[in-house]
Amino acid sequence: MNTILSRVAAAALALSFAGAASAVPSIPGFEADDGAELFTPNDTVISVEIFDLGDLLGNPYEFGFYFGSDPNNPPDQITIFDETDVGAANSAIAFIDFDAGFVFDVDEGALQDLFSPTAGPIGFWLATGGNTFYSEAARNPGGADVVETLQQTANSENYLIGFEIALFGNDILLGLEFVGGLTAVTVAEPMTLGLFGLGLIGVAYARRRRT
């Protein structure tokens, strides 16, 4: 319970600084975008909606997660917040149990969605009605990177996940969500892989010379 309360407190801190901005805002207590696209969730995860541009436009967006990391396969979308959830004013909060396979809408006191528990990383999505944006750039048209992930300084398992798009030369913030209980999945950079490959070649060459 203390862990959950600490995550809610972290979300409240973020909420006090966030607002309708033209990009993911810089928020005290959170690091800059670390480029994470996929995460390993804890058994239980809590999410708080910080900002939803759709609320201001009278057409709330939907936010959720999906399993898997194969960009060629459409993901099963599990909903965390739907069009009935309004951030800030109604304090939209959801509790996700990855062992039992359900999303519980705390503010409405009802189940939001059900899913089959699956091992492996998760990504996040935001649906604006006509379009769906993913935390994995490879799933977006043209490989567009539309997500910023800001890790909390005091607790590395807490993240702010912001979706933004470029419009007429400006970055427009679509949604900002707090998610607590995550570990970012690190992906080796191409140069790192290249150096690793050169290292293997060097080891093989050294062994060959010794023989």
N, C-alpha and C. Protein backbone atom coordinates (compact mmCIF):
# COMPACT_ATOMS: atom_id res chain seq x y z
N MET A 1 0.83 -1.21 0.00
CA MET A 1 0.00 0.00 0.00
C MET A 1 0.86 1.25 0.00
N ASN A 2 1.98 1.24 0.78
CA ASN A 2 2.86 2.40 0.81
C ASN A 2 3.45 2.68 -0.56
N THR A 3 3.77 1.59 -1.31
CA THR A 3 4.32 1.76 -2.65
C THR A 3 3.31 2.45 -3.55
N ILE A 4 2.05 2.02 -3.48
CA ILE A 4 1.00 2.63 -4.30
C ILE A 4 0.82 4.10 -3.93
N LEU A 5 0.81 4.40 -2.64
CA LEU A 5 0.63 5.78 -2.20
C LEU A 5 1.78 6.65 -2.67
N SER A 6 3.01 6.11 -2.65
CA SER A 6 4.16 6.89 -3.10
C SER A 6 4.07 7.19 -4.59
N ARG A 7 3.50 6.23 -5.35
CA ARG A 7 3.35 6.45 -6.80
C ARG A 7 2.28 7.50 -7.07
N VAL A 8 1.20 7.47 -6.30
CA VAL A 8 0.16 8.49 -6.45
C VAL A 8 0.72 9.86 -6.11
N ALA A 9 1.56 9.92 -5.05
CA ALA A 9 2.17 11.19 -4.65
C ALA A 9 3.07 11.72 -5.76
N ALA A 10 3.82 10.81 -6.40
CA ALA A 10 4.70 11.22 -7.50
C ALA A 10 3.88 11.76 -8.66
N ALA A 11 2.76 11.12 -8.94
CA ALA A 11 1.88 11.59 -10.01
C ALA A 11 1.30 12.95 -9.68
N ALA A 12 0.96 13.15 -8.40
CA ALA A 12 0.41 14.43 -7.98
C ALA A 12 1.44 15.54 -8.16
N LEU A 13 2.70 15.23 -7.88
CA LEU A 13 3.77 16.20 -8.08
C LEU A 13 3.87 16.58 -9.55
N ALA A 14 3.83 15.58 -10.40
CA ALA A 14 3.89 15.85 -11.84
C ALA A 14 2.70 16.68 -12.28
N LEU A 15 1.53 16.36 -11.76
CA LEU A 15 0.30 17.06 -12.13
C LEU A 15 0.37 18.53 -11.75
N SER A 16 1.05 18.84 -10.65
CA SER A 16 1.12 20.23 -10.19
C SER A 16 1.95 21.10 -11.13
N PHE A 17 2.83 20.46 -11.93
CA PHE A 17 3.68 21.21 -12.84
C PHE A 17 3.22 21.13 -14.29
N ALA A 18 2.42 20.10 -14.63
CA ALA A 18 2.05 19.88 -16.03
C ALA A 18 0.85 20.71 -16.41
N GLY A 19 0.69 20.92 -17.70
CA GLY A 19 -0.46 21.64 -18.19
C GLY A 19 -0.53 21.53 -19.69
N ALA A 20 -1.39 22.31 -20.31
CA ALA A 20 -1.52 22.28 -21.76
C ALA A 20 -0.31 22.96 -22.36
N ALA A 21 0.67 22.18 -22.75
CA ALA A 21 1.90 22.72 -23.31
C ALA A 21 2.01 22.34 -24.77
N SER A 22 2.98 22.94 -25.47
CA SER A 22 3.17 22.62 -26.88
C SER A 22 4.16 21.48 -27.05
N ALA A 23 4.63 20.88 -25.97
CA ALA A 23 5.52 19.73 -26.00
C ALA A 23 5.52 19.14 -24.60
N VAL A 24 6.13 17.97 -24.44
CA VAL A 24 6.23 17.40 -23.11
C VAL A 24 7.03 18.35 -22.24
N PRO A 25 6.45 18.85 -21.15
CA PRO A 25 7.13 19.86 -20.35
C PRO A 25 8.28 19.27 -19.54
N SER A 26 9.23 20.13 -19.18
CA SER A 26 10.29 19.74 -18.25
C SER A 26 9.71 19.84 -16.85
N ILE A 27 9.73 18.72 -16.12
CA ILE A 27 9.07 18.67 -14.82
C ILE A 27 10.09 18.37 -13.73
N PRO A 28 10.17 19.21 -12.71
CA PRO A 28 11.12 18.95 -11.62
C PRO A 28 10.90 17.57 -11.01
N GLY A 29 11.99 16.87 -10.77
CA GLY A 29 11.89 15.54 -10.18
C GLY A 29 11.89 14.43 -11.20
N PHE A 30 11.87 14.80 -12.50
CA PHE A 30 11.89 13.80 -13.57
C PHE A 30 13.03 14.12 -14.53
N GLU A 31 13.68 13.06 -15.02
CA GLU A 31 14.80 13.23 -15.92
C GLU A 31 14.31 13.57 -17.34
N ALA A 32 15.27 13.88 -18.21
CA ALA A 32 14.93 14.13 -19.61
C ALA A 32 14.56 12.82 -20.29
N ASP A 33 14.01 12.93 -21.47
CA ASP A 33 13.58 11.75 -22.25
C ASP A 33 14.73 10.75 -22.37
N ASP A 34 14.48 9.50 -21.95
CA ASP A 34 15.53 8.49 -22.04
C ASP A 34 15.38 7.59 -23.27
N GLY A 35 14.37 7.85 -24.09
CA GLY A 35 14.21 7.11 -25.33
C GLY A 35 13.66 5.71 -25.21
N ALA A 36 13.19 5.33 -24.01
CA ALA A 36 12.65 3.98 -23.83
C ALA A 36 11.38 3.79 -24.66
N GLU A 37 11.24 2.61 -25.26
CA GLU A 37 10.05 2.30 -26.06
C GLU A 37 9.24 1.16 -25.45
N LEU A 38 9.92 0.24 -24.78
CA LEU A 38 9.26 -0.91 -24.15
C LEU A 38 9.67 -1.01 -22.69
N PHE A 39 8.80 -1.65 -21.90
CA PHE A 39 9.04 -1.74 -20.46
C PHE A 39 8.68 -3.13 -19.94
N THR A 40 9.35 -3.52 -18.87
CA THR A 40 8.96 -4.71 -18.14
C THR A 40 8.16 -4.25 -16.93
N PRO A 41 6.88 -4.65 -16.83
CA PRO A 41 6.06 -4.18 -15.72
C PRO A 41 6.25 -5.02 -14.46
N ASN A 42 6.03 -4.39 -13.31
CA ASN A 42 5.95 -5.13 -12.06
C ASN A 42 4.64 -5.92 -12.05
N ASP A 43 4.45 -6.73 -11.00
CA ASP A 43 3.19 -7.48 -10.89
C ASP A 43 1.99 -6.54 -10.84
N THR A 44 2.17 -5.40 -10.18
CA THR A 44 1.10 -4.40 -10.11
C THR A 44 1.65 -3.06 -10.58
N VAL A 45 0.83 -2.36 -11.35
CA VAL A 45 1.22 -1.07 -11.91
C VAL A 45 0.07 -0.09 -11.70
N ILE A 46 0.41 1.16 -11.41
CA ILE A 46 -0.63 2.18 -11.26
C ILE A 46 -0.41 3.27 -12.29
N SER A 47 -1.49 3.80 -12.84
CA SER A 47 -1.40 4.84 -13.85
C SER A 47 -2.33 5.99 -13.50
N VAL A 48 -1.86 7.20 -13.74
CA VAL A 48 -2.65 8.41 -13.49
C VAL A 48 -2.60 9.28 -14.74
N GLU A 49 -3.75 9.72 -15.20
CA GLU A 49 -3.79 10.59 -16.37
C GLU A 49 -3.49 12.02 -15.93
N ILE A 50 -2.40 12.57 -16.48
CA ILE A 50 -1.98 13.92 -16.13
C ILE A 50 -2.59 14.95 -17.06
N PHE A 51 -2.54 14.68 -18.36
CA PHE A 51 -3.06 15.63 -19.34
C PHE A 51 -3.57 14.89 -20.56
N ASP A 52 -4.72 15.32 -21.06
CA ASP A 52 -5.32 14.74 -22.27
C ASP A 52 -5.87 15.89 -23.10
N LEU A 53 -5.22 16.17 -24.23
CA LEU A 53 -5.67 17.26 -25.09
C LEU A 53 -7.11 17.04 -25.53
N GLY A 54 -7.49 15.77 -25.69
CA GLY A 54 -8.86 15.47 -26.10
C GLY A 54 -9.90 15.98 -25.13
N ASP A 55 -9.55 16.05 -23.84
CA ASP A 55 -10.48 16.60 -22.85
C ASP A 55 -10.84 18.04 -23.19
N LEU A 56 -9.84 18.81 -23.59
CA LEU A 56 -10.06 20.21 -23.92
C LEU A 56 -10.85 20.37 -25.21
N LEU A 57 -10.72 19.38 -26.10
CA LEU A 57 -11.40 19.45 -27.39
C LEU A 57 -12.78 18.79 -27.36
N GLY A 58 -13.15 18.26 -26.18
CA GLY A 58 -14.45 17.60 -26.05
C GLY A 58 -14.49 16.21 -26.64
N ASN A 59 -13.32 15.63 -26.89
CA ASN A 59 -13.24 14.29 -27.45
C ASN A 59 -12.07 13.55 -26.79
N PRO A 60 -12.25 13.10 -25.53
CA PRO A 60 -11.14 12.48 -24.79
C PRO A 60 -10.49 11.32 -25.55
N TYR A 61 -9.17 11.26 -25.46
CA TYR A 61 -8.42 10.21 -26.11
C TYR A 61 -8.42 8.95 -25.25
N GLU A 62 -7.95 7.85 -25.83
CA GLU A 62 -7.82 6.60 -25.09
C GLU A 62 -6.34 6.26 -24.96
N PHE A 63 -5.99 5.67 -23.82
CA PHE A 63 -4.61 5.32 -23.53
C PHE A 63 -4.56 3.90 -22.99
N GLY A 64 -3.52 3.16 -23.40
CA GLY A 64 -3.41 1.79 -22.90
C GLY A 64 -2.05 1.20 -23.19
N PHE A 65 -1.96 -0.12 -23.06
CA PHE A 65 -0.69 -0.81 -23.29
C PHE A 65 -0.92 -2.03 -24.16
N TYR A 66 0.17 -2.63 -24.61
CA TYR A 66 0.09 -3.84 -25.43
C TYR A 66 1.31 -4.70 -25.13
N PHE A 67 1.19 -5.99 -25.40
CA PHE A 67 2.31 -6.91 -25.24
C PHE A 67 3.02 -7.09 -26.58
N GLY A 68 4.30 -7.43 -26.49
CA GLY A 68 5.03 -7.80 -27.69
C GLY A 68 5.89 -6.70 -28.24
N SER A 69 6.84 -7.10 -29.08
CA SER A 69 7.76 -6.13 -29.67
C SER A 69 8.01 -6.42 -31.15
N ASP A 70 7.08 -7.10 -31.81
CA ASP A 70 7.20 -7.38 -33.24
C ASP A 70 6.39 -6.34 -34.01
N PRO A 71 7.04 -5.34 -34.60
CA PRO A 71 6.32 -4.28 -35.30
C PRO A 71 5.47 -4.78 -36.46
N ASN A 72 5.73 -6.00 -36.93
CA ASN A 72 4.98 -6.52 -38.07
C ASN A 72 3.64 -7.14 -37.66
N ASN A 73 3.44 -7.33 -36.36
CA ASN A 73 2.20 -7.91 -35.88
C ASN A 73 1.40 -6.86 -35.12
N PRO A 74 0.14 -6.62 -35.53
CA PRO A 74 -0.69 -5.65 -34.80
C PRO A 74 -0.87 -6.10 -33.36
N PRO A 75 -0.66 -5.19 -32.40
CA PRO A 75 -0.77 -5.58 -30.99
C PRO A 75 -2.22 -5.62 -30.51
N ASP A 76 -2.46 -6.45 -29.50
CA ASP A 76 -3.74 -6.42 -28.81
C ASP A 76 -3.70 -5.24 -27.85
N GLN A 77 -4.63 -4.31 -28.02
CA GLN A 77 -4.61 -3.09 -27.22
C GLN A 77 -5.46 -3.27 -25.97
N ILE A 78 -4.83 -3.12 -24.82
CA ILE A 78 -5.54 -3.18 -23.54
C ILE A 78 -5.73 -1.75 -23.05
N THR A 79 -6.96 -1.39 -22.73
CA THR A 79 -7.29 -0.02 -22.37
C THR A 79 -7.04 0.26 -20.89
N ILE A 80 -6.36 1.38 -20.63
CA ILE A 80 -6.18 1.87 -19.26
C ILE A 80 -7.17 3.00 -19.00
N PHE A 81 -7.20 3.98 -19.90
CA PHE A 81 -8.16 5.09 -19.81
C PHE A 81 -8.93 5.17 -21.12
N ASP A 82 -10.27 5.25 -21.02
CA ASP A 82 -11.08 5.40 -22.23
C ASP A 82 -11.69 6.79 -22.27
N GLU A 83 -12.65 6.98 -23.19
CA GLU A 83 -13.22 8.32 -23.38
C GLU A 83 -14.03 8.82 -22.20
N THR A 84 -14.38 7.94 -21.27
CA THR A 84 -15.14 8.37 -20.08
C THR A 84 -14.23 8.88 -18.97
N ASP A 85 -12.93 8.65 -19.10
CA ASP A 85 -11.99 9.10 -18.08
C ASP A 85 -11.47 10.48 -18.43
N VAL A 86 -11.64 11.39 -17.50
CA VAL A 86 -11.19 12.76 -17.70
C VAL A 86 -10.11 13.07 -16.68
N GLY A 87 -8.96 13.49 -17.16
CA GLY A 87 -7.83 13.71 -16.26
C GLY A 87 -7.98 14.94 -15.41
N ALA A 88 -7.09 15.12 -14.49
CA ALA A 88 -6.97 16.27 -13.60
C ALA A 88 -8.21 16.46 -12.72
N ALA A 89 -9.29 17.00 -13.29
CA ALA A 89 -10.46 17.33 -12.48
C ALA A 89 -11.03 16.12 -11.75
N ASN A 90 -11.14 15.00 -12.44
CA ASN A 90 -11.72 13.81 -11.83
C ASN A 90 -10.66 12.80 -11.38
N SER A 91 -9.39 13.21 -11.46
CA SER A 91 -8.29 12.37 -11.00
C SER A 91 -8.41 10.94 -11.53
N ALA A 92 -8.29 10.79 -12.84
CA ALA A 92 -8.39 9.47 -13.46
C ALA A 92 -7.21 8.60 -13.03
N ILE A 93 -7.52 7.51 -12.33
CA ILE A 93 -6.50 6.60 -11.82
C ILE A 93 -6.88 5.17 -12.18
N ALA A 94 -5.89 4.38 -12.59
CA ALA A 94 -6.15 2.98 -12.92
C ALA A 94 -5.09 2.10 -12.24
N PHE A 95 -5.51 0.91 -11.87
CA PHE A 95 -4.65 -0.08 -11.22
C PHE A 95 -4.59 -1.31 -12.12
N ILE A 96 -3.38 -1.75 -12.46
CA ILE A 96 -3.22 -2.87 -13.39
C ILE A 96 -2.57 -4.04 -12.66
N ASP A 97 -3.21 -5.19 -12.71
CA ASP A 97 -2.68 -6.40 -12.08
C ASP A 97 -2.22 -7.35 -13.19
N PHE A 98 -0.91 -7.50 -13.35
CA PHE A 98 -0.38 -8.32 -14.43
C PHE A 98 -0.37 -9.80 -14.08
N ASP A 99 -0.60 -10.14 -12.82
CA ASP A 99 -0.73 -11.55 -12.44
C ASP A 99 -2.13 -12.07 -12.73
N ALA A 100 -3.14 -11.27 -12.35
CA ALA A 100 -4.54 -11.69 -12.53
C ALA A 100 -5.07 -11.31 -13.90
N GLY A 101 -4.47 -10.32 -14.56
CA GLY A 101 -4.89 -9.93 -15.89
C GLY A 101 -6.09 -9.01 -15.95
N PHE A 102 -6.04 -7.90 -15.20
CA PHE A 102 -7.14 -6.94 -15.29
C PHE A 102 -6.66 -5.52 -15.06
N VAL A 103 -7.44 -4.57 -15.60
CA VAL A 103 -7.23 -3.15 -15.36
C VAL A 103 -8.44 -2.66 -14.58
N PHE A 104 -8.20 -2.05 -13.41
CA PHE A 104 -9.28 -1.57 -12.55
C PHE A 104 -9.31 -0.06 -12.58
N ASP A 105 -10.46 0.50 -12.94
CA ASP A 105 -10.66 1.95 -12.97
C ASP A 105 -10.99 2.41 -11.56
N VAL A 106 -10.02 3.03 -10.90
CA VAL A 106 -10.17 3.39 -9.49
C VAL A 106 -11.25 4.44 -9.29
N ASP A 107 -11.24 5.50 -10.11
CA ASP A 107 -12.20 6.58 -9.90
C ASP A 107 -13.64 6.15 -10.19
N GLU A 108 -13.83 5.15 -11.06
CA GLU A 108 -15.18 4.66 -11.34
C GLU A 108 -15.52 3.42 -10.53
N GLY A 109 -14.51 2.83 -9.89
CA GLY A 109 -14.74 1.64 -9.06
C GLY A 109 -15.24 0.45 -9.86
N ALA A 110 -14.68 0.27 -11.06
CA ALA A 110 -15.13 -0.82 -11.94
C ALA A 110 -13.97 -1.33 -12.78
N LEU A 111 -14.13 -2.56 -13.32
CA LEU A 111 -13.13 -3.09 -14.21
C LEU A 111 -13.11 -2.29 -15.52
N GLN A 112 -11.93 -1.97 -15.97
CA GLN A 112 -11.78 -1.25 -17.23
C GLN A 112 -11.55 -2.20 -18.39
N ASP A 113 -10.70 -3.23 -18.16
CA ASP A 113 -10.38 -4.16 -19.24
C ASP A 113 -9.80 -5.43 -18.64
N LEU A 114 -9.88 -6.51 -19.42
CA LEU A 114 -9.31 -7.80 -19.03
C LEU A 114 -8.31 -8.24 -20.09
N PHE A 115 -7.30 -9.01 -19.68
CA PHE A 115 -6.31 -9.50 -20.64
C PHE A 115 -5.69 -10.78 -20.11
N SER A 116 -5.09 -11.53 -21.02
CA SER A 116 -4.41 -12.77 -20.64
C SER A 116 -2.99 -12.42 -20.23
N PRO A 117 -2.63 -12.73 -18.97
CA PRO A 117 -1.26 -12.43 -18.52
C PRO A 117 -0.23 -13.07 -19.44
N THR A 118 0.71 -12.28 -19.88
CA THR A 118 1.73 -12.74 -20.82
C THR A 118 3.09 -12.23 -20.40
N ALA A 119 4.08 -13.10 -20.46
CA ALA A 119 5.44 -12.68 -20.14
C ALA A 119 5.99 -11.85 -21.28
N GLY A 120 6.89 -10.96 -20.96
CA GLY A 120 7.49 -10.15 -22.01
C GLY A 120 7.23 -8.67 -21.80
N PRO A 121 7.85 -7.85 -22.62
CA PRO A 121 7.74 -6.39 -22.46
C PRO A 121 6.39 -5.86 -22.92
N ILE A 122 6.09 -4.66 -22.48
CA ILE A 122 4.89 -3.96 -22.91
C ILE A 122 5.27 -2.61 -23.51
N GLY A 123 4.42 -2.15 -24.42
CA GLY A 123 4.54 -0.81 -24.96
C GLY A 123 3.24 -0.08 -24.66
N PHE A 124 3.18 1.20 -25.00
CA PHE A 124 1.99 2.00 -24.73
C PHE A 124 1.45 2.63 -26.01
N TRP A 125 0.15 2.90 -26.02
CA TRP A 125 -0.49 3.50 -27.18
C TRP A 125 -1.45 4.60 -26.75
N LEU A 126 -1.71 5.51 -27.67
CA LEU A 126 -2.67 6.59 -27.46
C LEU A 126 -3.52 6.69 -28.71
N ALA A 127 -4.83 6.58 -28.57
CA ALA A 127 -5.75 6.67 -29.71
C ALA A 127 -6.50 7.99 -29.66
N THR A 128 -6.45 8.72 -30.76
CA THR A 128 -7.10 10.03 -30.83
C THR A 128 -8.40 9.99 -31.63
N GLY A 129 -8.89 8.79 -31.88
CA GLY A 129 -10.10 8.64 -32.68
C GLY A 129 -9.75 8.08 -34.04
N GLY A 130 -9.12 8.91 -34.85
CA GLY A 130 -8.76 8.46 -36.19
C GLY A 130 -7.36 7.88 -36.29
N ASN A 131 -6.55 8.12 -35.28
CA ASN A 131 -5.16 7.66 -35.32
C ASN A 131 -4.77 7.00 -34.00
N THR A 132 -3.85 6.05 -34.10
CA THR A 132 -3.28 5.42 -32.91
C THR A 132 -1.77 5.56 -32.98
N PHE A 133 -1.19 6.06 -31.89
CA PHE A 133 0.25 6.27 -31.81
C PHE A 133 0.84 5.30 -30.79
N TYR A 134 2.05 4.81 -31.08
CA TYR A 134 2.68 3.79 -30.24
C TYR A 134 4.00 4.28 -29.67
N SER A 135 4.39 3.69 -28.53
CA SER A 135 5.68 4.03 -27.93
C SER A 135 6.83 3.50 -28.77
N GLU A 136 6.60 2.43 -29.55
CA GLU A 136 7.60 1.92 -30.47
C GLU A 136 7.51 2.70 -31.79
N ALA A 137 8.57 3.41 -32.11
CA ALA A 137 8.56 4.23 -33.32
C ALA A 137 8.29 3.40 -34.57
N ALA A 138 8.76 2.15 -34.58
CA ALA A 138 8.60 1.30 -35.77
C ALA A 138 7.14 1.00 -36.08
N ARG A 139 6.25 1.16 -35.12
CA ARG A 139 4.82 0.91 -35.34
C ARG A 139 4.10 2.13 -35.91
N ASN A 140 4.75 3.29 -35.88
CA ASN A 140 4.12 4.52 -36.35
C ASN A 140 4.45 4.77 -37.82
N PRO A 141 3.57 5.44 -38.55
CA PRO A 141 3.85 5.74 -39.96
C PRO A 141 5.18 6.46 -40.12
N GLY A 142 6.00 5.95 -41.03
CA GLY A 142 7.30 6.56 -41.27
C GLY A 142 8.30 6.36 -40.15
N GLY A 143 7.97 5.48 -39.19
CA GLY A 143 8.88 5.26 -38.06
C GLY A 143 9.00 6.46 -37.15
N ALA A 144 7.94 7.26 -37.07
CA ALA A 144 7.98 8.49 -36.29
C ALA A 144 8.08 8.21 -34.79
N ASP A 145 8.99 8.92 -34.13
CA ASP A 145 9.13 8.83 -32.67
C ASP A 145 8.23 9.90 -32.06
N VAL A 146 7.10 9.49 -31.51
CA VAL A 146 6.12 10.45 -31.00
C VAL A 146 6.00 10.40 -29.48
N VAL A 147 6.89 9.66 -28.82
CA VAL A 147 6.77 9.46 -27.37
C VAL A 147 8.04 9.92 -26.66
N GLU A 148 7.85 10.59 -25.53
CA GLU A 148 8.95 10.90 -24.63
C GLU A 148 8.70 10.19 -23.31
N THR A 149 9.74 9.56 -22.76
CA THR A 149 9.61 8.83 -21.50
C THR A 149 10.56 9.46 -20.49
N LEU A 150 9.97 10.00 -19.41
CA LEU A 150 10.73 10.73 -18.40
C LEU A 150 10.73 9.92 -17.10
N GLN A 151 11.89 9.49 -16.69
CA GLN A 151 12.03 8.68 -15.48
C GLN A 151 12.12 9.57 -14.25
N GLN A 152 11.43 9.16 -13.17
CA GLN A 152 11.50 9.94 -11.94
C GLN A 152 12.87 9.78 -11.29
N THR A 153 13.43 10.87 -10.84
CA THR A 153 14.77 10.85 -10.26
C THR A 153 14.81 10.02 -8.98
N ALA A 154 13.81 10.17 -8.13
CA ALA A 154 13.81 9.51 -6.82
C ALA A 154 13.40 8.04 -6.89
N ASN A 155 12.70 7.65 -7.94
CA ASN A 155 12.23 6.26 -8.07
C ASN A 155 12.29 5.87 -9.54
N SER A 156 13.25 5.02 -9.88
CA SER A 156 13.49 4.68 -11.28
C SER A 156 12.37 3.86 -11.90
N GLU A 157 11.40 3.39 -11.09
CA GLU A 157 10.29 2.60 -11.64
C GLU A 157 9.09 3.46 -12.00
N ASN A 158 9.19 4.75 -11.75
CA ASN A 158 8.09 5.67 -12.08
C ASN A 158 8.44 6.46 -13.34
N TYR A 159 7.47 6.54 -14.25
CA TYR A 159 7.70 7.23 -15.52
C TYR A 159 6.55 8.17 -15.87
N LEU A 160 6.89 9.24 -16.56
CA LEU A 160 5.91 10.05 -17.27
C LEU A 160 6.05 9.67 -18.74
N ILE A 161 4.92 9.38 -19.38
CA ILE A 161 4.93 8.99 -20.79
C ILE A 161 4.11 10.01 -21.56
N GLY A 162 4.79 10.75 -22.41
CA GLY A 162 4.13 11.81 -23.16
C GLY A 162 4.07 11.51 -24.65
N PHE A 163 2.91 11.74 -25.25
CA PHE A 163 2.72 11.58 -26.69
C PHE A 163 2.62 12.96 -27.31
N GLU A 164 3.41 13.19 -28.37
CA GLU A 164 3.36 14.48 -29.04
C GLU A 164 3.54 14.30 -30.54
N ILE A 165 2.99 15.23 -31.29
CA ILE A 165 3.13 15.21 -32.74
C ILE A 165 3.58 16.58 -33.22
N ALA A 166 4.23 16.60 -34.38
CA ALA A 166 4.64 17.86 -34.99
C ALA A 166 3.53 18.36 -35.89
N LEU A 167 3.12 19.60 -35.70
CA LEU A 167 2.04 20.18 -36.49
C LEU A 167 2.39 21.63 -36.80
N PHE A 168 2.54 21.92 -38.10
CA PHE A 168 2.88 23.27 -38.56
C PHE A 168 4.13 23.79 -37.85
N GLY A 169 5.11 22.91 -37.70
CA GLY A 169 6.38 23.33 -37.13
C GLY A 169 6.43 23.35 -35.61
N ASN A 170 5.33 23.00 -34.97
CA ASN A 170 5.29 22.98 -33.51
C ASN A 170 5.03 21.58 -32.99
N ASP A 171 5.60 21.26 -31.83
CA ASP A 171 5.31 19.99 -31.16
C ASP A 171 4.09 20.17 -30.28
N ILE A 172 3.05 19.38 -30.56
CA ILE A 172 1.79 19.48 -29.83
C ILE A 172 1.66 18.29 -28.87
N LEU A 173 1.47 18.58 -27.59
CA LEU A 173 1.31 17.53 -26.59
C LEU A 173 -0.10 16.97 -26.67
N LEU A 174 -0.21 15.67 -26.97
CA LEU A 174 -1.51 15.00 -27.05
C LEU A 174 -1.95 14.44 -25.70
N GLY A 175 -1.00 13.85 -25.00
CA GLY A 175 -1.35 13.24 -23.72
C GLY A 175 -0.11 13.02 -22.88
N LEU A 176 -0.29 13.09 -21.56
CA LEU A 176 0.80 12.86 -20.62
C LEU A 176 0.27 11.95 -19.52
N GLU A 177 0.89 10.79 -19.36
CA GLU A 177 0.42 9.79 -18.40
C GLU A 177 1.53 9.44 -17.42
N PHE A 178 1.15 9.29 -16.15
CA PHE A 178 2.09 8.78 -15.15
C PHE A 178 1.86 7.28 -15.02
N VAL A 179 2.95 6.51 -15.07
CA VAL A 179 2.86 5.06 -14.89
C VAL A 179 3.94 4.63 -13.91
N GLY A 180 3.53 4.02 -12.81
CA GLY A 180 4.47 3.58 -11.79
C GLY A 180 4.56 2.07 -11.72
N GLY A 181 5.78 1.55 -11.69
CA GLY A 181 5.99 0.11 -11.61
C GLY A 181 6.56 -0.46 -12.88
N LEU A 182 7.50 0.26 -13.50
CA LEU A 182 8.07 -0.14 -14.79
C LEU A 182 9.59 -0.19 -14.74
N THR A 183 10.16 -1.05 -15.56
CA THR A 183 11.60 -1.06 -15.80
C THR A 183 11.81 -0.98 -17.30
N ALA A 184 12.53 0.02 -17.74
CA ALA A 184 12.74 0.20 -19.18
C ALA A 184 13.55 -0.95 -19.75
N VAL A 185 13.14 -1.39 -20.94
CA VAL A 185 13.88 -2.43 -21.65
C VAL A 185 14.95 -1.73 -22.48
N THR A 186 16.19 -2.03 -22.21
CA THR A 186 17.29 -1.39 -22.93
C THR A 186 17.60 -2.15 -24.21
N VAL A 187 17.80 -1.41 -25.27
CA VAL A 187 18.13 -1.99 -26.58
C VAL A 187 19.50 -1.50 -26.97
N ALA A 188 20.38 -2.43 -27.33
CA ALA A 188 21.74 -2.06 -27.70
C ALA A 188 21.74 -1.18 -28.93
N GLU A 189 22.52 -0.11 -28.90
CA GLU A 189 22.64 0.78 -30.04
C GLU A 189 23.42 0.09 -31.17
N PRO A 190 23.19 0.46 -32.44
CA PRO A 190 23.91 -0.16 -33.56
C PRO A 190 25.42 -0.15 -33.38
N MET A 191 25.99 0.99 -32.89
CA MET A 191 27.43 1.06 -32.73
C MET A 191 27.90 0.08 -31.67
N THR A 192 27.10 -0.07 -30.59
CA THR A 192 27.45 -1.02 -29.54
C THR A 192 27.47 -2.43 -30.10
N LEU A 193 26.46 -2.75 -30.92
CA LEU A 193 26.42 -4.07 -31.54
C LEU A 193 27.61 -4.27 -32.46
N GLY A 194 27.99 -3.21 -33.18
CA GLY A 194 29.12 -3.31 -34.08
C GLY A 194 30.42 -3.56 -33.34
N LEU A 195 30.60 -2.85 -32.23
CA LEU A 195 31.81 -3.05 -31.43
C LEU A 195 31.83 -4.45 -30.84
N PHE A 196 30.65 -4.93 -30.41
CA PHE A 196 30.57 -6.28 -29.87
C PHE A 196 30.96 -7.29 -30.94
N GLY A 197 30.49 -7.06 -32.19
CA GLY A 197 30.82 -7.97 -33.28
C GLY A 197 32.31 -7.97 -33.58
N LEU A 198 32.92 -6.77 -33.56
CA LEU A 198 34.36 -6.68 -33.79
C LEU A 198 35.13 -7.41 -32.70
N GLY A 199 34.61 -7.33 -31.48
CA GLY A 199 35.25 -8.03 -30.38
C GLY A 199 35.23 -9.53 -30.59
N LEU A 200 34.10 -10.04 -31.06
CA LEU A 200 34.01 -11.48 -31.33
C LEU A 200 34.98 -11.90 -32.42
N ILE A 201 35.09 -11.05 -33.47
CA ILE A 201 36.03 -11.36 -34.56
C ILE A 201 37.45 -11.39 -34.03
N GLY A 202 37.77 -10.43 -33.13
CA GLY A 202 39.10 -10.38 -32.57
C GLY A 202 39.42 -11.62 -31.74
N VAL A 203 38.44 -12.07 -30.94
CA VAL A 203 38.64 -13.27 -30.13
C VAL A 203 38.86 -14.48 -31.02
N ALA A 204 38.04 -14.58 -32.09
CA ALA A 204 38.17 -15.72 -33.00
C ALA A 204 39.54 -15.71 -33.68
N TYR A 205 40.01 -14.51 -34.06
CA TYR A 205 41.30 -14.40 -34.74
C TYR A 205 42.43 -14.79 -33.80
N ALA A 206 42.33 -14.34 -32.52
CA ALA A 206 43.37 -14.66 -31.55
C ALA A 206 43.44 -16.17 -31.32
N ARG A 207 42.28 -16.80 -31.22
CA ARG A 207 42.27 -18.24 -31.01
C ARG A 207 42.88 -18.99 -32.21
N ARG A 208 42.57 -18.47 -33.41
CA ARG A 208 43.08 -19.12 -34.62
C ARG A 208 44.61 -19.04 -34.67
N ARG A 209 45.17 -17.90 -34.24
CA ARG A 209 46.62 -17.73 -34.26
C ARG A 209 47.29 -18.68 -33.25
N ARG A 210 46.62 -18.88 -32.12
CA ARG A 210 47.20 -19.76 -31.11
C ARG A 210 47.22 -21.20 -31.58
N THR A 211 46.26 -21.56 -32.47
CA THR A 211 46.22 -22.93 -32.97
C THR A 211 47.11 -23.07 -34.21
